[in-house]
Amino acid sequence: MLTTLISVSALADRLDGNDMTTVVLDCRSSLMDPAQGRRFYGEGHIPSAVFIDLETELSSPITAQSGRHPLPDFTALAAILRCAGVNSTTQVVVYDDCGGAMAARAWWLIRLLGHAAVAVLDGGYPAWLAAGFPVTDQVAEVIPGDFSGVPDLSMIEPLQQVADVPAKGMLIDARSAERYRGEQEPIDPVAGHIPGAVNRPLQQNLTADGLFKSVAVLQQEWRHFMGDYQPQQIVHYCGSGVTACHNLLAMEHAGLVGAKVYPGSWSEWIRDPQRPVATGAEPRS
């Protein structure tokens, strides 16, 4: 059972062997062009992969109070996973084309539903292409599965508790340093970060070639960043609850298990003008 990452060669071996217990989900998406992922899937994807849409399947409709990617209806998501062929014994592999930034959302949601055997394809579609493995533009024929998930809400940090996190642990912002500091904001109407939050951009989890750093390196970097805090005292957020999961994935791959995600993230936080906003860099205690 793989629970964090899988290499392209390991996935290719599974698919070459007609491993019927592996389900591959194409999670490509763009925050600036929501239709891009489905379009790219139609042009070419990993054989047997089923497309899963960030906007309509991994999120629910936006409301006046929500962030940009509200949590999906869990019953509906379980049904989507069944339609993709997921059973209780299935190894799920999720991938994207941006270092796992989008696929990590699917990874986290599937785990939240109680399915531990889900892994992000390390390097994603670019690594698959670079290795010379086959692609197809044919929509996969799927035998529906029987997956029935039960959500573990303890993995979620609710909005009502977010403001208190920095007083007892670490609230970590996965966005770029410029967005965190409030120097630029290309997506949301307000720039800045949640007061008390510290910044570790998700790109710091990756090597220059778009692969995750080794377990040893990630463990060393994250332990240094966390200081005396334990994983259970960590809450991750980002712009809309998508890329925050990348930092969680990096921690879990390094064996640092127990952190949570604030899924509403910055785009939900700023819905209420009474909530405070910070800019610049926060001092580290």
C-alpha atoms as a PDB file:
ATOM      1  CA  MET A   1       0.000   0.000   0.000  1.00  0.00           C
ATOM      2  CA  LEU A   2       1.420   3.353  -1.067  1.00  0.00           C
ATOM      3  CA  THR A   3       0.222   6.305   0.999  1.00  0.00           C
ATOM      4  CA  THR A   4       2.274   9.326  -0.109  1.00  0.00           C
ATOM      5  CA  LEU A   5       4.211   9.108  -3.401  1.00  0.00           C
ATOM      6  CA  ILE A   6       4.758   6.689  -6.270  1.00  0.00           C
ATOM      7  CA  SER A   7       7.392   6.941  -9.001  1.00  0.00           C
ATOM      8  CA  VAL A   8       6.515   6.925 -12.683  1.00  0.00           C
ATOM      9  CA  SER A   9       8.441   3.676 -13.172  1.00  0.00           C
ATOM     10  CA  ALA A  10       6.511   1.966 -10.383  1.00  0.00           C
ATOM     11  CA  LEU A  11       3.208   3.105 -11.864  1.00  0.00           C
ATOM     12  CA  ALA A  12       4.270   1.969 -15.328  1.00  0.00           C
ATOM     13  CA  ASP A  13       5.071  -1.490 -13.939  1.00  0.00           C
ATOM     14  CA  ARG A  14       1.616  -1.695 -12.399  1.00  0.00           C
ATOM     15  CA  LEU A  15      -0.104  -0.670 -15.617  1.00  0.00           C
ATOM     16  CA  ASP A  16       2.074  -2.916 -17.797  1.00  0.00           C
ATOM     17  CA  GLY A  17       1.079  -5.815 -15.590  1.00  0.00           C
ATOM     18  CA  ASN A  18      -2.626  -5.016 -16.038  1.00  0.00           C
ATOM     19  CA  ASP A  19      -2.933  -4.491 -12.306  1.00  0.00           C
ATOM     20  CA  MET A  20      -6.702  -4.213 -11.895  1.00  0.00           C
ATOM     21  CA  THR A  21      -6.310  -3.014  -8.316  1.00  0.00           C
ATOM     22  CA  THR A  22      -4.781   0.329  -9.396  1.00  0.00           C
ATOM     23  CA  VAL A  23      -6.976   3.306 -10.290  1.00  0.00           C
ATOM     24  CA  VAL A  24      -5.319   6.385 -11.791  1.00  0.00           C
ATOM     25  CA  LEU A  25      -6.928   9.820 -11.509  1.00  0.00           C
ATOM     26  CA  ASP A  26      -5.888  12.761 -13.694  1.00  0.00           C
ATOM     27  CA  CYS A  27      -6.174  15.870 -11.514  1.00  0.00           C
ATOM     28  CA  ARG A  28      -4.692  18.449 -13.846  1.00  0.00           C
ATOM     29  CA  SER A  29      -6.155  21.888 -13.325  1.00  0.00           C
ATOM     30  CA  SER A  30      -5.286  25.561 -13.462  1.00  0.00           C
ATOM     31  CA  LEU A  31      -6.525  28.147 -10.975  1.00  0.00           C
ATOM     32  CA  MET A  32      -6.399  30.747 -13.751  1.00  0.00           C
ATOM     33  CA  ASP A  33      -8.114  28.534 -16.373  1.00  0.00           C
ATOM     34  CA  PRO A  34     -10.477  25.997 -14.759  1.00  0.00           C
ATOM     35  CA  ALA A  35     -11.242  24.304 -18.095  1.00  0.00           C
ATOM     36  CA  GLN A  36      -7.607  23.620 -18.874  1.00  0.00           C
ATOM     37  CA  GLY A  37      -7.335  20.293 -17.065  1.00  0.00           C
ATOM     38  CA  ARG A  38     -10.209  18.610 -18.875  1.00  0.00           C
ATOM     39  CA  ARG A  39      -8.916  19.994 -22.168  1.00  0.00           C
ATOM     40  CA  PHE A  40      -5.432  18.628 -21.531  1.00  0.00           C
ATOM     41  CA  TYR A  41      -6.899  15.255 -20.524  1.00  0.00           C
ATOM     42  CA  GLY A  42      -8.694  15.082 -23.879  1.00  0.00           C
ATOM     43  CA  GLU A  43      -5.443  15.760 -25.704  1.00  0.00           C
ATOM     44  CA  GLY A  44      -3.537  13.030 -23.895  1.00  0.00           C
ATOM     45  CA  HIS A  45      -3.257  11.281 -20.549  1.00  0.00           C
ATOM     46  CA  ILE A  46      -1.822   8.240 -18.813  1.00  0.00           C
ATOM     47  CA  PRO A  47      -3.559   5.075 -20.054  1.00  0.00           C
ATOM     48  CA  SER A  48      -6.535   4.028 -17.894  1.00  0.00           C
ATOM     49  CA  ALA A  49      -6.573   7.404 -16.097  1.00  0.00           C
ATOM     50  CA  VAL A  50      -9.971   8.902 -15.245  1.00  0.00           C
ATOM     51  CA  PHE A  51     -10.270  12.681 -15.153  1.00  0.00           C
ATOM     52  CA  ILE A  52     -11.451  14.241 -11.895  1.00  0.00           C
ATOM     53  CA  ASP A  53     -12.321  17.922 -11.897  1.00  0.00           C
ATOM     54  CA  LEU A  54     -11.110  20.271  -9.165  1.00  0.00           C
ATOM     55  CA  GLU A  55     -13.929  22.747  -9.635  1.00  0.00           C
ATOM     56  CA  THR A  56     -16.930  20.431  -9.821  1.00  0.00           C
ATOM     57  CA  GLU A  57     -15.867  17.160  -8.167  1.00  0.00           C
ATOM     58  CA  LEU A  58     -13.154  18.011  -5.647  1.00  0.00           C
ATOM     59  CA  SER A  59     -15.028  21.153  -4.583  1.00  0.00           C
ATOM     60  CA  SER A  60     -18.607  22.230  -4.012  1.00  0.00           C
ATOM     61  CA  PRO A  61     -20.223  25.424  -5.375  1.00  0.00           C
ATOM     62  CA  ILE A  62     -18.902  28.702  -4.010  1.00  0.00           C
ATOM     63  CA  THR A  63     -21.153  30.576  -1.607  1.00  0.00           C
ATOM     64  CA  ALA A  64     -21.116  34.116  -0.226  1.00  0.00           C
ATOM     65  CA  GLN A  65     -19.323  32.873   2.894  1.00  0.00           C
ATOM     66  CA  SER A  66     -17.000  30.228   1.428  1.00  0.00           C
ATOM     67  CA  GLY A  67     -13.570  30.291  -0.088  1.00  0.00           C
ATOM     68  CA  ARG A  68     -12.893  29.582  -3.750  1.00  0.00           C
ATOM     69  CA  HIS A  69     -12.816  25.782  -3.368  1.00  0.00           C
ATOM     70  CA  PRO A  70     -15.248  24.698  -0.642  1.00  0.00           C
ATOM     71  CA  LEU A  71     -15.059  21.099   0.472  1.00  0.00           C
ATOM     72  CA  PRO A  72     -17.090  18.765  -1.743  1.00  0.00           C
ATOM     73  CA  ASP A  73     -20.126  16.881  -0.557  1.00  0.00           C
ATOM     74  CA  PHE A  74     -18.483  13.745   0.816  1.00  0.00           C
ATOM     75  CA  THR A  75     -21.290  11.413  -0.243  1.00  0.00           C
ATOM     76  CA  ALA A  76     -21.071  12.762  -3.784  1.00  0.00           C
ATOM     77  CA  LEU A  77     -17.278  12.426  -3.810  1.00  0.00           C
ATOM     78  CA  ALA A  78     -17.504   8.798  -2.679  1.00  0.00           C
ATOM     79  CA  ALA A  79     -19.899   8.154  -5.560  1.00  0.00           C
ATOM     80  CA  ILE A  80     -17.469   9.818  -7.987  1.00  0.00           C
ATOM     81  CA  LEU A  81     -14.687   7.582  -6.744  1.00  0.00           C
ATOM     82  CA  ARG A  82     -16.880   4.497  -7.145  1.00  0.00           C
ATOM     83  CA  CYS A  83     -17.603   5.536 -10.724  1.00  0.00           C
ATOM     84  CA  ALA A  84     -13.848   5.827 -11.268  1.00  0.00           C
ATOM     85  CA  GLY A  85     -13.458   2.198 -10.186  1.00  0.00           C
ATOM     86  CA  VAL A  86     -12.334   2.592  -6.596  1.00  0.00           C
ATOM     87  CA  ASN A  87     -12.898  -0.306  -4.197  1.00  0.00           C
ATOM     88  CA  SER A  88     -11.876  -0.612  -0.573  1.00  0.00           C
ATOM     89  CA  THR A  89      -8.723  -2.491  -1.670  1.00  0.00           C
ATOM     90  CA  THR A  90      -7.798  -0.198  -4.582  1.00  0.00           C
ATOM     91  CA  GLN A  91      -4.439   1.543  -4.837  1.00  0.00           C
ATOM     92  CA  VAL A  92      -5.313   5.025  -6.068  1.00  0.00           C
ATOM     93  CA  VAL A  93      -2.714   7.114  -7.908  1.00  0.00           C
ATOM     94  CA  VAL A  94      -3.378  10.815  -8.526  1.00  0.00           C
ATOM     95  CA  TYR A  95      -1.346  13.096 -10.788  1.00  0.00           C
ATOM     96  CA  ASP A  96      -1.169  16.572 -12.257  1.00  0.00           C
ATOM     97  CA  ASP A  97       1.332  18.613 -14.266  1.00  0.00           C
ATOM     98  CA  CYS A  98       2.457  21.088 -11.582  1.00  0.00           C
ATOM     99  CA  GLY A  99       4.535  19.170  -9.070  1.00  0.00           C
ATOM    100  CA  GLY A 100       1.580  17.739  -7.184  1.00  0.00           C
ATOM    101  CA  ALA A 101       0.056  21.111  -6.257  1.00  0.00           C
ATOM    102  CA  MET A 102      -3.383  20.071  -7.558  1.00  0.00           C
ATOM    103  CA  ALA A 103      -3.161  16.297  -7.113  1.00  0.00           C
ATOM    104  CA  ALA A 104      -2.418  16.732  -3.404  1.00  0.00           C
ATOM    105  CA  ARG A 105      -5.978  18.040  -2.916  1.00  0.00           C
ATOM    106  CA  ALA A 106      -7.381  14.751  -4.275  1.00  0.00           C
ATOM    107  CA  TRP A 107      -4.848  12.801  -2.186  1.00  0.00           C
ATOM    108  CA  TRP A 108      -5.989  14.543   0.992  1.00  0.00           C
ATOM    109  CA  LEU A 109      -9.715  14.250   0.266  1.00  0.00           C
ATOM    110  CA  ILE A 110      -9.479  10.546  -0.531  1.00  0.00           C
ATOM    111  CA  ARG A 111      -7.576   9.978   2.719  1.00  0.00           C
ATOM    112  CA  LEU A 112     -10.140  12.090   4.559  1.00  0.00           C
ATOM    113  CA  LEU A 113     -12.776   9.626   3.329  1.00  0.00           C
ATOM    114  CA  GLY A 114     -10.844   6.820   4.991  1.00  0.00           C
ATOM    115  CA  HIS A 115      -8.970   5.393   2.000  1.00  0.00           C
ATOM    116  CA  ALA A 116      -5.287   5.257   2.974  1.00  0.00           C
ATOM    117  CA  ALA A 117      -3.962   3.629  -0.215  1.00  0.00           C
ATOM    118  CA  VAL A 118      -3.621   6.774  -2.312  1.00  0.00           C
ATOM    119  CA  ALA A 119      -0.371   8.216  -3.641  1.00  0.00           C
ATOM    120  CA  VAL A 120       0.638  11.223  -5.712  1.00  0.00           C
ATOM    121  CA  LEU A 121       2.644  10.481  -8.863  1.00  0.00           C
ATOM    122  CA  ASP A 122       6.055  12.008  -8.175  1.00  0.00           C
ATOM    123  CA  GLY A 123       6.828  14.444 -10.983  1.00  0.00           C
ATOM    124  CA  GLY A 124       3.362  13.972 -12.439  1.00  0.00           C
ATOM    125  CA  TYR A 125       2.565  13.982 -16.138  1.00  0.00           C
ATOM    126  CA  PRO A 126       5.801  15.773 -17.156  1.00  0.00           C
ATOM    127  CA  ALA A 127       7.882  13.035 -15.516  1.00  0.00           C
ATOM    128  CA  TRP A 128       5.740  10.364 -17.200  1.00  0.00           C
ATOM    129  CA  LEU A 129       6.351  11.965 -20.598  1.00  0.00           C
ATOM    130  CA  ALA A 130      10.052  12.485 -19.925  1.00  0.00           C
ATOM    131  CA  ALA A 131      10.420   8.776 -19.134  1.00  0.00           C
ATOM    132  CA  GLY A 132       8.900   7.888 -22.512  1.00  0.00           C
ATOM    133  CA  PHE A 133       5.915   6.010 -21.140  1.00  0.00           C
ATOM    134  CA  PRO A 134       2.795   5.752 -23.337  1.00  0.00           C
ATOM    135  CA  VAL A 135      -0.123   8.165 -23.385  1.00  0.00           C
ATOM    136  CA  THR A 136      -3.555   8.009 -24.934  1.00  0.00           C
ATOM    137  CA  ASP A 137      -6.421  10.311 -25.830  1.00  0.00           C
ATOM    138  CA  GLN A 138      -9.009   7.571 -25.316  1.00  0.00           C
ATOM    139  CA  VAL A 139     -11.419   7.870 -22.400  1.00  0.00           C
ATOM    140  CA  ALA A 140     -10.882   4.987 -20.008  1.00  0.00           C
ATOM    141  CA  GLU A 141     -13.459   2.199 -19.762  1.00  0.00           C
ATOM    142  CA  VAL A 142     -14.133   1.717 -16.070  1.00  0.00           C
ATOM    143  CA  ILE A 143     -15.754  -1.016 -14.017  1.00  0.00           C
ATOM    144  CA  PRO A 144     -17.466   0.812 -11.137  1.00  0.00           C
ATOM    145  CA  GLY A 145     -16.179   0.064  -7.663  1.00  0.00           C
ATOM    146  CA  ASP A 146     -17.888  -0.310  -4.307  1.00  0.00           C
ATOM    147  CA  PHE A 147     -16.030   2.323  -2.296  1.00  0.00           C
ATOM    148  CA  SER A 148     -17.997   3.802   0.592  1.00  0.00           C
ATOM    149  CA  GLY A 149     -16.094   6.467   2.467  1.00  0.00           C
ATOM    150  CA  VAL A 150     -16.614   7.779   5.974  1.00  0.00           C
ATOM    151  CA  PRO A 151     -15.104  11.265   6.432  1.00  0.00           C
ATOM    152  CA  ASP A 152     -12.644  11.823   9.251  1.00  0.00           C
ATOM    153  CA  LEU A 153     -13.429  15.392  10.262  1.00  0.00           C
ATOM    154  CA  SER A 154     -10.540  15.419  12.730  1.00  0.00           C
ATOM    155  CA  MET A 155      -8.263  16.067   9.724  1.00  0.00           C
ATOM    156  CA  ILE A 156      -9.924  19.470   9.232  1.00  0.00           C
ATOM    157  CA  GLU A 157      -9.203  22.644  11.187  1.00  0.00           C
ATOM    158  CA  PRO A 158     -12.523  24.545  11.343  1.00  0.00           C
ATOM    159  CA  LEU A 159     -12.682  28.263  10.628  1.00  0.00           C
ATOM    160  CA  GLN A 160     -13.792  28.995  14.185  1.00  0.00           C
ATOM    161  CA  GLN A 161     -10.482  27.695  15.596  1.00  0.00           C
ATOM    162  CA  VAL A 162      -8.018  29.065  13.047  1.00  0.00           C
ATOM    163  CA  ALA A 163      -7.307  32.378  14.785  1.00  0.00           C
ATOM    164  CA  ASP A 164      -6.163  30.500  17.912  1.00  0.00           C
ATOM    165  CA  VAL A 165      -3.690  28.217  16.139  1.00  0.00           C
ATOM    166  CA  PRO A 166      -0.615  30.522  16.286  1.00  0.00           C
ATOM    167  CA  ALA A 167      -0.956  30.790  20.078  1.00  0.00           C
ATOM    168  CA  LYS A 168      -0.516  27.053  20.565  1.00  0.00           C
ATOM    169  CA  GLY A 169       1.114  25.777  17.378  1.00  0.00           C
ATOM    170  CA  MET A 170       1.969  26.774  13.818  1.00  0.00           C
ATOM    171  CA  LEU A 171      -0.324  28.056  11.082  1.00  0.00           C
ATOM    172  CA  ILE A 172       1.602  27.552   7.841  1.00  0.00           C
ATOM    173  CA  ASP A 173       0.810  29.386   4.597  1.00  0.00           C
ATOM    174  CA  ALA A 174       1.771  27.440   1.445  1.00  0.00           C
ATOM    175  CA  ARG A 175       1.500  30.364  -0.986  1.00  0.00           C
ATOM    176  CA  SER A 176       4.429  32.217  -2.545  1.00  0.00           C
ATOM    177  CA  ALA A 177       6.320  34.597  -0.289  1.00  0.00           C
ATOM    178  CA  GLU A 178       5.067  37.593  -2.269  1.00  0.00           C
ATOM    179  CA  ARG A 179       1.433  36.627  -1.777  1.00  0.00           C
ATOM    180  CA  TYR A 180       1.986  35.771   1.870  1.00  0.00           C
ATOM    181  CA  ARG A 181       3.585  39.157   2.541  1.00  0.00           C
ATOM    182  CA  GLY A 182       0.788  40.932   0.669  1.00  0.00           C
ATOM    183  CA  GLU A 183       3.075  42.373  -1.997  1.00  0.00           C
ATOM    184  CA  GLN A 184       1.002  40.886  -4.803  1.00  0.00           C
ATOM    185  CA  GLU A 185      -2.320  39.072  -5.049  1.00  0.00           C
ATOM    186  CA  PRO A 186      -3.297  37.795  -8.513  1.00  0.00           C
ATOM    187  CA  ILE A 187      -6.419  35.870  -7.450  1.00  0.00           C
ATOM    188  CA  ASP A 188      -8.085  37.100  -4.264  1.00  0.00           C
ATOM    189  CA  PRO A 189      -9.475  40.625  -3.648  1.00  0.00           C
ATOM    190  CA  VAL A 190      -7.448  41.187  -0.463  1.00  0.00           C
ATOM    191  CA  ALA A 191      -3.693  40.714  -0.089  1.00  0.00           C
ATOM    192  CA  GLY A 192      -1.869  39.479   2.989  1.00  0.00           C
ATOM    193  CA  HIS A 193      -2.101  36.547   5.374  1.00  0.00           C
ATOM    194  CA  ILE A 194      -3.828  35.356   8.524  1.00  0.00           C
ATOM    195  CA  PRO A 195      -2.183  37.022  11.531  1.00  0.00           C
ATOM    196  CA  GLY A 196       0.372  34.782  13.202  1.00  0.00           C
ATOM    197  CA  ALA A 197       0.828  32.520  10.190  1.00  0.00           C
ATOM    198  CA  VAL A 198       4.306  31.658   8.942  1.00  0.00           C
ATOM    199  CA  ASN A 199       5.242  30.936   5.362  1.00  0.00           C
ATOM    200  CA  ARG A 200       6.664  27.844   3.663  1.00  0.00           C
ATOM    201  CA  PRO A 201       5.924  27.990  -0.078  1.00  0.00           C
ATOM    202  CA  LEU A 202       5.060  24.561  -1.439  1.00  0.00           C
ATOM    203  CA  GLN A 203       7.805  24.846  -4.063  1.00  0.00           C
ATOM    204  CA  GLN A 204      10.320  24.300  -1.260  1.00  0.00           C
ATOM    205  CA  ASN A 205       9.186  20.670  -1.106  1.00  0.00           C
ATOM    206  CA  LEU A 206      10.474  20.028  -4.635  1.00  0.00           C
ATOM    207  CA  THR A 207      13.789  19.678  -6.414  1.00  0.00           C
ATOM    208  CA  ALA A 208      14.648  21.716  -9.500  1.00  0.00           C
ATOM    209  CA  ASP A 209      13.278  18.941 -11.737  1.00  0.00           C
ATOM    210  CA  GLY A 210       9.856  18.961 -10.099  1.00  0.00           C
ATOM    211  CA  LEU A 211      10.248  15.837  -7.969  1.00  0.00           C
ATOM    212  CA  PHE A 212       9.753  15.750  -4.229  1.00  0.00           C
ATOM    213  CA  LYS A 213      12.933  16.029  -2.206  1.00  0.00           C
ATOM    214  CA  SER A 214      14.123  12.873  -0.494  1.00  0.00           C
ATOM    215  CA  VAL A 215      12.594  11.719   2.764  1.00  0.00           C
ATOM    216  CA  ALA A 216      15.811  12.595   4.620  1.00  0.00           C
ATOM    217  CA  VAL A 217      15.954  16.133   3.209  1.00  0.00           C
ATOM    218  CA  LEU A 218      12.262  16.815   3.778  1.00  0.00           C
ATOM    219  CA  GLN A 219      12.473  15.513   7.314  1.00  0.00           C
ATOM    220  CA  GLN A 220      15.486  17.682   8.093  1.00  0.00           C
ATOM    221  CA  GLU A 221      13.949  20.808   6.542  1.00  0.00           C
ATOM    222  CA  TRP A 222      10.541  20.390   8.126  1.00  0.00           C
ATOM    223  CA  ARG A 223      11.917  19.575  11.577  1.00  0.00           C
ATOM    224  CA  HIS A 224      14.070  22.687  11.405  1.00  0.00           C
ATOM    225  CA  PHE A 225      11.106  24.777  10.247  1.00  0.00           C
ATOM    226  CA  MET A 226       8.807  23.392  12.948  1.00  0.00           C
ATOM    227  CA  GLY A 227      11.272  23.853  15.768  1.00  0.00           C
ATOM    228  CA  ASP A 228       9.862  22.399  18.976  1.00  0.00           C
ATOM    229  CA  TYR A 229       6.348  21.976  17.598  1.00  0.00           C
ATOM    230  CA  GLN A 230       4.933  18.521  16.896  1.00  0.00           C
ATOM    231  CA  PRO A 231       3.038  17.652  13.696  1.00  0.00           C
ATOM    232  CA  GLN A 232      -0.222  17.564  15.662  1.00  0.00           C
ATOM    233  CA  GLN A 233       0.247  21.296  16.392  1.00  0.00           C
ATOM    234  CA  ILE A 234       0.515  22.222  12.698  1.00  0.00           C
ATOM    235  CA  VAL A 235      -2.305  23.575  10.502  1.00  0.00           C
ATOM    236  CA  HIS A 236      -1.783  24.215   6.782  1.00  0.00           C
ATOM    237  CA  TYR A 237      -3.594  26.726   4.607  1.00  0.00           C
ATOM    238  CA  CYS A 238      -3.139  28.454   1.257  1.00  0.00           C
ATOM    239  CA  GLY A 239      -5.336  30.524  -1.049  1.00  0.00           C
ATOM    240  CA  SER A 240      -8.311  28.207  -1.286  1.00  0.00           C
ATOM    241  CA  GLY A 241      -7.448  24.922   0.430  1.00  0.00           C
ATOM    242  CA  VAL A 242      -5.861  23.207  -2.567  1.00  0.00           C
ATOM    243  CA  THR A 243      -2.094  23.707  -2.414  1.00  0.00           C
ATOM    244  CA  ALA A 244      -2.032  23.584   1.404  1.00  0.00           C
ATOM    245  CA  CYS A 245      -2.325  19.824   0.955  1.00  0.00           C
ATOM    246  CA  HIS A 246       1.087  19.816  -0.751  1.00  0.00           C
ATOM    247  CA  ASN A 247       2.809  20.848   2.477  1.00  0.00           C
ATOM    248  CA  LEU A 248       0.827  18.211   4.360  1.00  0.00           C
ATOM    249  CA  LEU A 249       1.892  15.593   1.809  1.00  0.00           C
ATOM    250  CA  ALA A 250       5.546  16.597   2.165  1.00  0.00           C
ATOM    251  CA  MET A 251       5.332  16.279   5.936  1.00  0.00           C
ATOM    252  CA  GLU A 252       3.636  12.885   5.764  1.00  0.00           C
ATOM    253  CA  HIS A 253       6.179  11.629   3.223  1.00  0.00           C
ATOM    254  CA  ALA A 254       8.856  12.629   5.733  1.00  0.00           C
ATOM    255  CA  GLY A 255       7.099  10.658   8.462  1.00  0.00           C
ATOM    256  CA  LEU A 256       5.722  13.742  10.228  1.00  0.00           C
ATOM    257  CA  VAL A 257       2.106  12.662  10.625  1.00  0.00           C
ATOM    258  CA  GLY A 258      -0.817  14.394  12.277  1.00  0.00           C
ATOM    259  CA  ALA A 259      -1.051  17.935  10.875  1.00  0.00           C
ATOM    260  CA  LYS A 260      -4.377  19.388   9.726  1.00  0.00           C
ATOM    261  CA  VAL A 261      -5.647  21.520   6.854  1.00  0.00           C
ATOM    262  CA  TYR A 262      -7.800  24.638   7.084  1.00  0.00           C
ATOM    263  CA  PRO A 263      -9.707  24.040   3.827  1.00  0.00           C
ATOM    264  CA  GLY A 264     -11.393  27.441   3.570  1.00  0.00           C
ATOM    265  CA  SER A 265      -7.980  29.105   3.639  1.00  0.00           C
ATOM    266  CA  TRP A 266      -7.266  32.746   2.759  1.00  0.00           C
ATOM    267  CA  SER A 267     -10.168  33.159   0.317  1.00  0.00           C
ATOM    268  CA  GLU A 268     -12.635  32.172   3.045  1.00  0.00           C
ATOM    269  CA  TRP A 269     -10.880  34.120   5.804  1.00  0.00           C
ATOM    270  CA  ILE A 270     -11.243  37.425   3.938  1.00  0.00           C
ATOM    271  CA  ARG A 271     -14.979  36.965   3.278  1.00  0.00           C
ATOM    272  CA  ASP A 272     -15.619  38.642   6.612  1.00  0.00           C
ATOM    273  CA  PRO A 273     -14.065  42.147   6.672  1.00  0.00           C
ATOM    274  CA  GLN A 274     -14.026  41.964  10.474  1.00  0.00           C
ATOM    275  CA  ARG A 275     -11.344  39.276  10.409  1.00  0.00           C
ATOM    276  CA  PRO A 276      -7.867  40.764  10.766  1.00  0.00           C
ATOM    277  CA  VAL A 277      -5.327  40.755   7.945  1.00  0.00           C
ATOM    278  CA  ALA A 278      -1.539  40.887   8.288  1.00  0.00           C
ATOM    279  CA  THR A 279       1.133  41.878   5.762  1.00  0.00           C
ATOM    280  CA  GLY A 280       4.876  41.576   5.746  1.00  0.00           C
ATOM    281  CA  ALA A 281       6.733  38.718   7.419  1.00  0.00           C
ATOM    282  CA  GLU A 282       5.799  37.365  10.823  1.00  0.00           C
ATOM    283  CA  PRO A 283       8.590  37.091  13.426  1.00  0.00           C
ATOM    284  CA  ARG A 284       9.507  33.503  14.307  1.00  0.00           C
ATOM    285  CA  SER A 285       9.308  32.679  17.997  1.00  0.00           C
END
